[in-house]
């Protein structure tokens, strides 16, 4: 039976935030402990300054971003006036990627989340792949 997509809509920012929170809750406990104090936020697109700083050609080029001081850069020590570490997931670029690939939306969100947390922790691509394999 073919699903009826005629009434389907893309997840809102709030729904996307819930998907991100669910993806985070499925990560291994030891991995989540390393994320203490990190805020996970969802926005439709990255801010113009971020795109310019990263040399992105389009607002669709960036699926997620870690902003802050990672553990690999001594981010375990908080300094006065320092903004909290944040992971941004960009809804519209992720939805665009999802529409163009044969992957589940939850899997894409998990992948981006793990990748951005990996930047905070200082993990290698192989380490991130191993964590991603453990989640799926």
N, C-alpha and C. Protein backbone atom coordinates (compact mmCIF):
# COMPACT_ATOMS: atom_id res chain seq x y z
N UNK A 1 0.83 -1.17 0.00
CA UNK A 1 0.00 0.00 0.00
C UNK A 1 0.89 1.25 0.00
N UNK A 2 0.59 2.18 -0.85
CA UNK A 2 1.34 3.42 -0.95
C UNK A 2 0.87 4.41 0.10
N UNK A 3 1.82 5.01 0.85
CA UNK A 3 1.39 5.99 1.85
C UNK A 3 0.77 7.21 1.19
N UNK A 4 -0.16 7.83 1.89
CA UNK A 4 -0.81 9.05 1.40
C UNK A 4 0.00 10.25 1.87
N UNK A 5 0.74 10.85 0.94
CA UNK A 5 1.60 11.98 1.25
C UNK A 5 0.90 13.32 1.00
N UNK A 6 -0.35 13.30 0.56
CA UNK A 6 -1.02 14.53 0.15
C UNK A 6 -1.18 15.53 1.30
N UNK A 7 -1.22 15.07 2.52
CA UNK A 7 -1.39 15.98 3.66
C UNK A 7 -0.09 16.14 4.47
N UNK A 8 0.99 15.54 3.99
CA UNK A 8 2.25 15.59 4.72
C UNK A 8 2.89 16.97 4.62
N UNK A 9 3.50 17.40 5.70
CA UNK A 9 4.24 18.65 5.73
C UNK A 9 5.62 18.40 6.32
N UNK A 10 6.54 19.29 6.03
CA UNK A 10 7.88 19.20 6.63
C UNK A 10 7.77 19.49 8.11
N UNK A 11 8.61 18.88 8.93
CA UNK A 11 8.57 19.16 10.37
C UNK A 11 8.87 20.64 10.64
N UNK A 12 8.12 21.21 11.57
CA UNK A 12 8.35 22.60 12.00
C UNK A 12 9.64 22.66 12.80
N UNK A 13 10.04 23.87 13.16
CA UNK A 13 11.23 24.02 14.01
C UNK A 13 11.06 23.28 15.34
N UNK A 14 9.87 23.39 15.94
CA UNK A 14 9.62 22.69 17.21
C UNK A 14 9.66 21.18 17.03
N UNK A 15 9.06 20.67 15.96
CA UNK A 15 9.09 19.23 15.70
C UNK A 15 10.52 18.77 15.42
N UNK A 16 11.26 19.58 14.69
CA UNK A 16 12.64 19.25 14.38
C UNK A 16 13.48 19.22 15.65
N UNK A 17 13.22 20.14 16.57
CA UNK A 17 13.92 20.16 17.85
C UNK A 17 13.63 18.86 18.62
N UNK A 18 12.38 18.41 18.59
CA UNK A 18 12.04 17.14 19.24
C UNK A 18 12.78 15.97 18.59
N UNK A 19 12.89 15.97 17.26
CA UNK A 19 13.64 14.92 16.57
C UNK A 19 15.12 14.95 17.00
N UNK A 20 15.67 16.14 17.13
CA UNK A 20 17.07 16.28 17.56
C UNK A 20 17.24 15.79 18.99
N UNK A 21 16.30 16.15 19.86
CA UNK A 21 16.37 15.70 21.26
C UNK A 21 16.26 14.18 21.35
N UNK A 22 15.39 13.59 20.54
CA UNK A 22 15.25 12.13 20.53
C UNK A 22 16.52 11.47 20.02
N UNK A 23 17.12 12.04 18.96
CA UNK A 23 18.37 11.50 18.42
C UNK A 23 19.47 11.57 19.48
N UNK A 24 19.54 12.68 20.22
CA UNK A 24 20.54 12.83 21.26
C UNK A 24 20.33 11.78 22.36
N UNK A 25 19.08 11.54 22.73
CA UNK A 25 18.79 10.58 23.81
C UNK A 25 19.17 9.15 23.43
N UNK A 26 19.29 8.86 22.15
CA UNK A 26 19.66 7.51 21.69
C UNK A 26 21.17 7.31 21.61
N UNK A 27 21.94 8.38 21.81
CA UNK A 27 23.39 8.25 21.75
C UNK A 27 23.90 7.50 22.97
N UNK A 28 25.04 6.82 22.85
CA UNK A 28 25.59 6.09 24.01
C UNK A 28 25.79 7.03 25.21
N UNK A 29 25.51 6.51 26.39
CA UNK A 29 25.58 7.31 27.62
C UNK A 29 26.95 7.96 27.81
N UNK A 30 28.01 7.23 27.57
CA UNK A 30 29.35 7.80 27.75
C UNK A 30 29.58 8.97 26.81
N UNK A 31 29.04 8.89 25.63
CA UNK A 31 29.17 9.96 24.63
C UNK A 31 28.37 11.18 25.08
N UNK A 32 27.16 10.95 25.59
CA UNK A 32 26.31 12.06 26.05
C UNK A 32 26.93 12.77 27.26
N UNK A 33 27.59 12.02 28.13
CA UNK A 33 28.22 12.64 29.31
C UNK A 33 29.26 13.67 28.91
N UNK A 34 29.94 13.43 27.80
CA UNK A 34 30.94 14.38 27.31
C UNK A 34 30.31 15.66 26.78
N UNK A 35 29.00 15.67 26.66
CA UNK A 35 28.28 16.81 26.11
C UNK A 35 27.63 17.67 27.18
N UNK A 36 27.99 17.45 28.43
CA UNK A 36 27.38 18.23 29.51
C UNK A 36 27.53 19.71 29.24
N UNK A 37 26.42 20.43 29.31
CA UNK A 37 26.44 21.86 29.12
C UNK A 37 26.29 22.34 27.69
N UNK A 38 26.30 21.43 26.74
CA UNK A 38 26.13 21.82 25.34
C UNK A 38 24.64 22.00 25.07
N UNK A 39 24.30 23.10 24.42
CA UNK A 39 22.93 23.34 23.99
C UNK A 39 22.78 22.90 22.55
N UNK A 40 21.72 22.16 22.26
CA UNK A 40 21.42 21.78 20.88
C UNK A 40 20.26 22.65 20.43
N UNK A 41 20.50 23.43 19.38
CA UNK A 41 19.51 24.37 18.87
C UNK A 41 19.21 24.06 17.41
N UNK A 42 18.00 24.38 16.99
CA UNK A 42 17.59 24.22 15.60
C UNK A 42 17.23 25.59 15.05
N UNK A 43 17.69 25.87 13.85
CA UNK A 43 17.34 27.09 13.13
C UNK A 43 17.06 26.69 11.68
N UNK A 44 16.33 27.52 10.99
CA UNK A 44 16.08 27.21 9.58
C UNK A 44 17.37 27.23 8.76
N UNK A 45 18.18 28.26 8.96
CA UNK A 45 19.44 28.42 8.22
C UNK A 45 20.51 28.99 9.13
N UNK A 46 21.78 28.81 8.75
CA UNK A 46 22.85 29.48 9.47
C UNK A 46 22.75 31.00 9.25
N UNK A 47 23.28 31.75 10.20
CA UNK A 47 23.32 33.20 10.05
C UNK A 47 24.32 33.58 8.96
N UNK A 48 24.09 34.73 8.34
CA UNK A 48 24.93 35.19 7.23
C UNK A 48 26.40 35.27 7.62
N UNK A 49 26.69 35.71 8.86
CA UNK A 49 28.08 35.82 9.31
C UNK A 49 28.76 34.46 9.34
N UNK A 50 28.02 33.44 9.76
CA UNK A 50 28.57 32.08 9.82
C UNK A 50 28.89 31.59 8.41
N UNK A 51 27.96 31.81 7.49
CA UNK A 51 28.19 31.38 6.10
C UNK A 51 29.42 32.07 5.51
N UNK A 52 29.53 33.36 5.78
CA UNK A 52 30.67 34.12 5.25
C UNK A 52 31.97 33.62 5.86
N UNK A 53 31.97 33.43 7.19
CA UNK A 53 33.17 32.98 7.90
C UNK A 53 33.66 31.63 7.39
N UNK A 54 32.72 30.74 7.05
CA UNK A 54 33.06 29.39 6.60
C UNK A 54 33.24 29.31 5.09
N UNK A 55 32.98 30.42 4.39
CA UNK A 55 33.14 30.42 2.93
C UNK A 55 32.09 29.60 2.21
N UNK A 56 30.92 29.49 2.78
CA UNK A 56 29.84 28.72 2.14
C UNK A 56 29.31 29.49 0.94
N UNK A 57 29.01 28.77 -0.12
CA UNK A 57 28.47 29.39 -1.32
C UNK A 57 26.97 29.60 -1.23
N UNK A 58 26.30 28.81 -0.39
CA UNK A 58 24.85 28.86 -0.30
C UNK A 58 24.44 28.60 1.15
N UNK A 59 23.27 29.09 1.51
CA UNK A 59 22.76 28.83 2.85
C UNK A 59 22.39 27.36 3.04
N UNK A 60 22.39 26.59 1.95
CA UNK A 60 22.10 25.16 2.02
C UNK A 60 23.36 24.31 2.18
N UNK A 61 24.54 24.95 2.19
CA UNK A 61 25.80 24.21 2.26
C UNK A 61 26.10 23.62 3.63
N UNK A 62 25.49 24.14 4.67
CA UNK A 62 25.84 23.77 6.04
C UNK A 62 24.64 23.10 6.71
N UNK A 63 24.83 21.84 7.14
CA UNK A 63 23.75 21.10 7.81
C UNK A 63 23.77 21.31 9.32
N UNK A 64 24.95 21.53 9.86
CA UNK A 64 25.08 21.71 11.30
C UNK A 64 26.38 22.41 11.62
N UNK A 65 26.51 22.85 12.88
CA UNK A 65 27.70 23.58 13.29
C UNK A 65 27.89 23.46 14.79
N UNK A 66 29.13 23.24 15.20
CA UNK A 66 29.50 23.34 16.61
C UNK A 66 30.10 24.71 16.82
N UNK A 67 29.60 25.46 17.79
CA UNK A 67 30.16 26.76 18.15
C UNK A 67 30.55 26.73 19.61
N UNK A 68 31.77 27.09 19.87
CA UNK A 68 32.23 27.13 21.25
C UNK A 68 33.67 26.69 21.35
N UNK A 69 34.03 26.30 22.55
CA UNK A 69 35.38 25.82 22.82
C UNK A 69 35.27 24.32 23.10
N UNK A 70 35.82 23.53 22.20
CA UNK A 70 35.73 22.09 22.34
C UNK A 70 36.60 21.54 23.44
N UNK A 71 36.31 20.33 23.86
CA UNK A 71 37.12 19.68 24.90
C UNK A 71 38.57 19.56 24.46
N UNK A 72 38.77 19.35 23.17
CA UNK A 72 40.14 19.23 22.65
C UNK A 72 40.90 20.55 22.77
N UNK A 73 40.17 21.67 22.90
CA UNK A 73 40.79 22.99 23.07
C UNK A 73 40.62 23.47 24.51
N UNK A 74 40.52 22.54 25.45
CA UNK A 74 40.36 22.84 26.87
C UNK A 74 39.01 23.46 27.18
N UNK A 75 37.99 22.99 26.48
CA UNK A 75 36.64 23.48 26.72
C UNK A 75 36.02 22.95 28.00
N UNK A 76 36.73 22.11 28.72
CA UNK A 76 36.20 21.61 29.99
C UNK A 76 36.24 22.70 31.05
N UNK A 77 37.07 23.72 30.83
CA UNK A 77 37.18 24.82 31.78
C UNK A 77 36.40 26.01 31.23
N UNK A 78 35.37 26.42 31.95
CA UNK A 78 34.55 27.54 31.53
C UNK A 78 35.18 28.85 31.99
N UNK A 79 35.14 29.85 31.11
CA UNK A 79 35.70 31.14 31.45
C UNK A 79 34.57 32.16 31.60
N UNK A 80 34.78 33.15 32.45
CA UNK A 80 33.79 34.20 32.67
C UNK A 80 33.46 34.89 31.35
N UNK A 81 32.17 35.07 31.10
CA UNK A 81 31.74 35.75 29.89
C UNK A 81 31.70 34.88 28.65
N UNK A 82 32.11 33.64 28.77
CA UNK A 82 32.13 32.73 27.63
C UNK A 82 30.71 32.27 27.32
N UNK A 83 30.33 32.33 26.06
CA UNK A 83 29.02 31.83 25.64
C UNK A 83 29.01 30.31 25.80
N UNK A 84 27.84 29.72 26.02
CA UNK A 84 27.79 28.26 26.16
C UNK A 84 28.13 27.59 24.83
N UNK A 85 28.69 26.41 24.93
CA UNK A 85 28.92 25.61 23.72
C UNK A 85 27.57 25.25 23.12
N UNK A 86 27.48 25.35 21.80
CA UNK A 86 26.21 25.08 21.13
C UNK A 86 26.43 24.23 19.89
N UNK A 87 25.46 23.40 19.64
CA UNK A 87 25.39 22.68 18.38
C UNK A 87 24.15 23.18 17.67
N UNK A 88 24.34 23.63 16.45
CA UNK A 88 23.23 24.10 15.62
C UNK A 88 22.92 23.03 14.57
N UNK A 89 21.66 22.72 14.43
CA UNK A 89 21.17 21.88 13.34
C UNK A 89 20.31 22.79 12.47
N UNK A 90 20.59 22.78 11.17
CA UNK A 90 19.90 23.68 10.26
C UNK A 90 18.83 22.92 9.48
N UNK A 91 17.58 23.21 9.86
CA UNK A 91 16.42 22.47 9.39
C UNK A 91 16.29 22.45 7.86
N UNK A 92 16.29 23.59 7.23
CA UNK A 92 16.05 23.64 5.78
C UNK A 92 17.15 22.92 4.98
N UNK A 93 18.44 23.13 5.26
CA UNK A 93 19.45 22.37 4.54
C UNK A 93 19.35 20.86 4.79
N UNK A 94 19.02 20.46 6.03
CA UNK A 94 18.86 19.04 6.31
C UNK A 94 17.67 18.48 5.54
N UNK A 95 16.56 19.20 5.52
CA UNK A 95 15.39 18.74 4.76
C UNK A 95 15.71 18.66 3.27
N UNK A 96 16.47 19.61 2.75
CA UNK A 96 16.87 19.60 1.35
C UNK A 96 17.73 18.38 1.06
N UNK A 97 18.68 18.11 1.94
CA UNK A 97 19.54 16.92 1.78
C UNK A 97 18.68 15.65 1.81
N UNK A 98 17.75 15.60 2.73
CA UNK A 98 16.86 14.44 2.88
C UNK A 98 16.07 14.21 1.60
N UNK A 99 15.58 15.28 0.98
CA UNK A 99 14.78 15.17 -0.24
C UNK A 99 15.61 14.63 -1.41
N UNK A 100 16.91 14.84 -1.37
CA UNK A 100 17.77 14.44 -2.48
C UNK A 100 18.46 13.10 -2.28
N UNK A 101 18.32 12.49 -1.12
CA UNK A 101 19.02 11.23 -0.83
C UNK A 101 18.03 10.19 -0.29
N UNK A 102 18.41 8.97 -0.40
CA UNK A 102 17.56 7.88 0.08
C UNK A 102 17.96 7.47 1.48
N UNK A 103 17.81 8.41 2.41
CA UNK A 103 18.12 8.17 3.82
C UNK A 103 16.94 8.60 4.65
N UNK A 104 16.82 8.04 5.83
CA UNK A 104 15.76 8.42 6.75
C UNK A 104 16.13 9.74 7.41
N UNK A 105 15.13 10.59 7.64
CA UNK A 105 15.38 11.90 8.24
C UNK A 105 16.05 11.76 9.61
N UNK A 106 15.56 10.84 10.43
CA UNK A 106 16.16 10.63 11.75
C UNK A 106 17.63 10.24 11.66
N UNK A 107 17.97 9.44 10.66
CA UNK A 107 19.36 9.04 10.47
C UNK A 107 20.25 10.21 10.09
N UNK A 108 19.73 11.11 9.27
CA UNK A 108 20.49 12.29 8.87
C UNK A 108 20.71 13.19 10.08
N UNK A 109 19.66 13.40 10.86
CA UNK A 109 19.77 14.24 12.06
C UNK A 109 20.80 13.64 13.02
N UNK A 110 20.75 12.33 13.23
CA UNK A 110 21.73 11.67 14.11
C UNK A 110 23.14 11.84 13.57
N UNK A 111 23.31 11.68 12.28
CA UNK A 111 24.63 11.81 11.66
C UNK A 111 25.20 13.21 11.89
N UNK A 112 24.40 14.23 11.63
CA UNK A 112 24.87 15.61 11.80
C UNK A 112 25.16 15.89 13.28
N UNK A 113 24.30 15.43 14.16
CA UNK A 113 24.48 15.63 15.59
C UNK A 113 25.78 14.98 16.07
N UNK A 114 26.00 13.73 15.69
CA UNK A 114 27.22 13.02 16.08
C UNK A 114 28.45 13.73 15.53
N UNK A 115 28.38 14.17 14.30
CA UNK A 115 29.51 14.85 13.67
C UNK A 115 29.84 16.15 14.42
N UNK A 116 28.83 16.92 14.78
CA UNK A 116 29.08 18.18 15.48
C UNK A 116 29.56 17.95 16.91
N UNK A 117 29.02 16.95 17.58
CA UNK A 117 29.53 16.59 18.91
C UNK A 117 30.98 16.11 18.80
N UNK A 118 31.26 15.38 17.74
CA UNK A 118 32.62 14.92 17.49
C UNK A 118 33.61 16.07 17.40
N UNK A 119 33.18 17.19 16.80
CA UNK A 119 34.05 18.37 16.74
C UNK A 119 34.32 18.89 18.16
N UNK A 120 33.31 18.88 19.00
CA UNK A 120 33.47 19.34 20.39
C UNK A 120 34.47 18.45 21.14
N UNK A 121 34.35 17.17 20.95
CA UNK A 121 35.16 16.22 21.70
C UNK A 121 36.55 16.05 21.08
N UNK A 122 36.64 16.29 19.77
CA UNK A 122 37.91 16.10 19.08
C UNK A 122 38.07 14.69 18.54
N UNK A 123 36.97 14.07 18.12
CA UNK A 123 37.00 12.70 17.60
C UNK A 123 37.45 12.67 16.14
N UNK A 124 38.00 11.55 15.76
CA UNK A 124 38.34 11.32 14.36
C UNK A 124 37.07 10.89 13.60
N UNK A 125 37.14 10.94 12.29
CA UNK A 125 36.01 10.48 11.47
C UNK A 125 35.69 9.01 11.75
N UNK A 126 36.73 8.18 11.97
CA UNK A 126 36.51 6.77 12.27
C UNK A 126 35.77 6.60 13.60
N UNK A 127 36.14 7.40 14.59
CA UNK A 127 35.44 7.34 15.89
C UNK A 127 33.97 7.71 15.72
N UNK A 128 33.71 8.78 14.94
CA UNK A 128 32.33 9.21 14.74
C UNK A 128 31.53 8.15 14.00
N UNK A 129 32.15 7.50 13.02
CA UNK A 129 31.47 6.43 12.28
C UNK A 129 31.13 5.27 13.21
N UNK A 130 32.02 4.93 14.13
CA UNK A 130 31.77 3.83 15.08
C UNK A 130 30.58 4.17 15.99
N UNK A 131 30.51 5.41 16.46
CA UNK A 131 29.39 5.81 17.31
C UNK A 131 28.10 5.78 16.52
N UNK A 132 28.17 6.25 15.29
CA UNK A 132 26.97 6.25 14.43
C UNK A 132 26.50 4.83 14.18
N UNK A 133 27.42 3.91 13.96
CA UNK A 133 27.05 2.50 13.73
C UNK A 133 26.40 1.90 14.97
N UNK A 134 26.83 2.33 16.15
CA UNK A 134 26.26 1.81 17.40
C UNK A 134 24.83 2.31 17.61
N UNK A 135 24.50 3.45 17.04
CA UNK A 135 23.18 4.05 17.21
C UNK A 135 22.16 3.45 16.26
N UNK A 136 22.59 3.11 15.05
CA UNK A 136 21.64 2.61 14.06
C UNK A 136 21.37 1.14 14.19
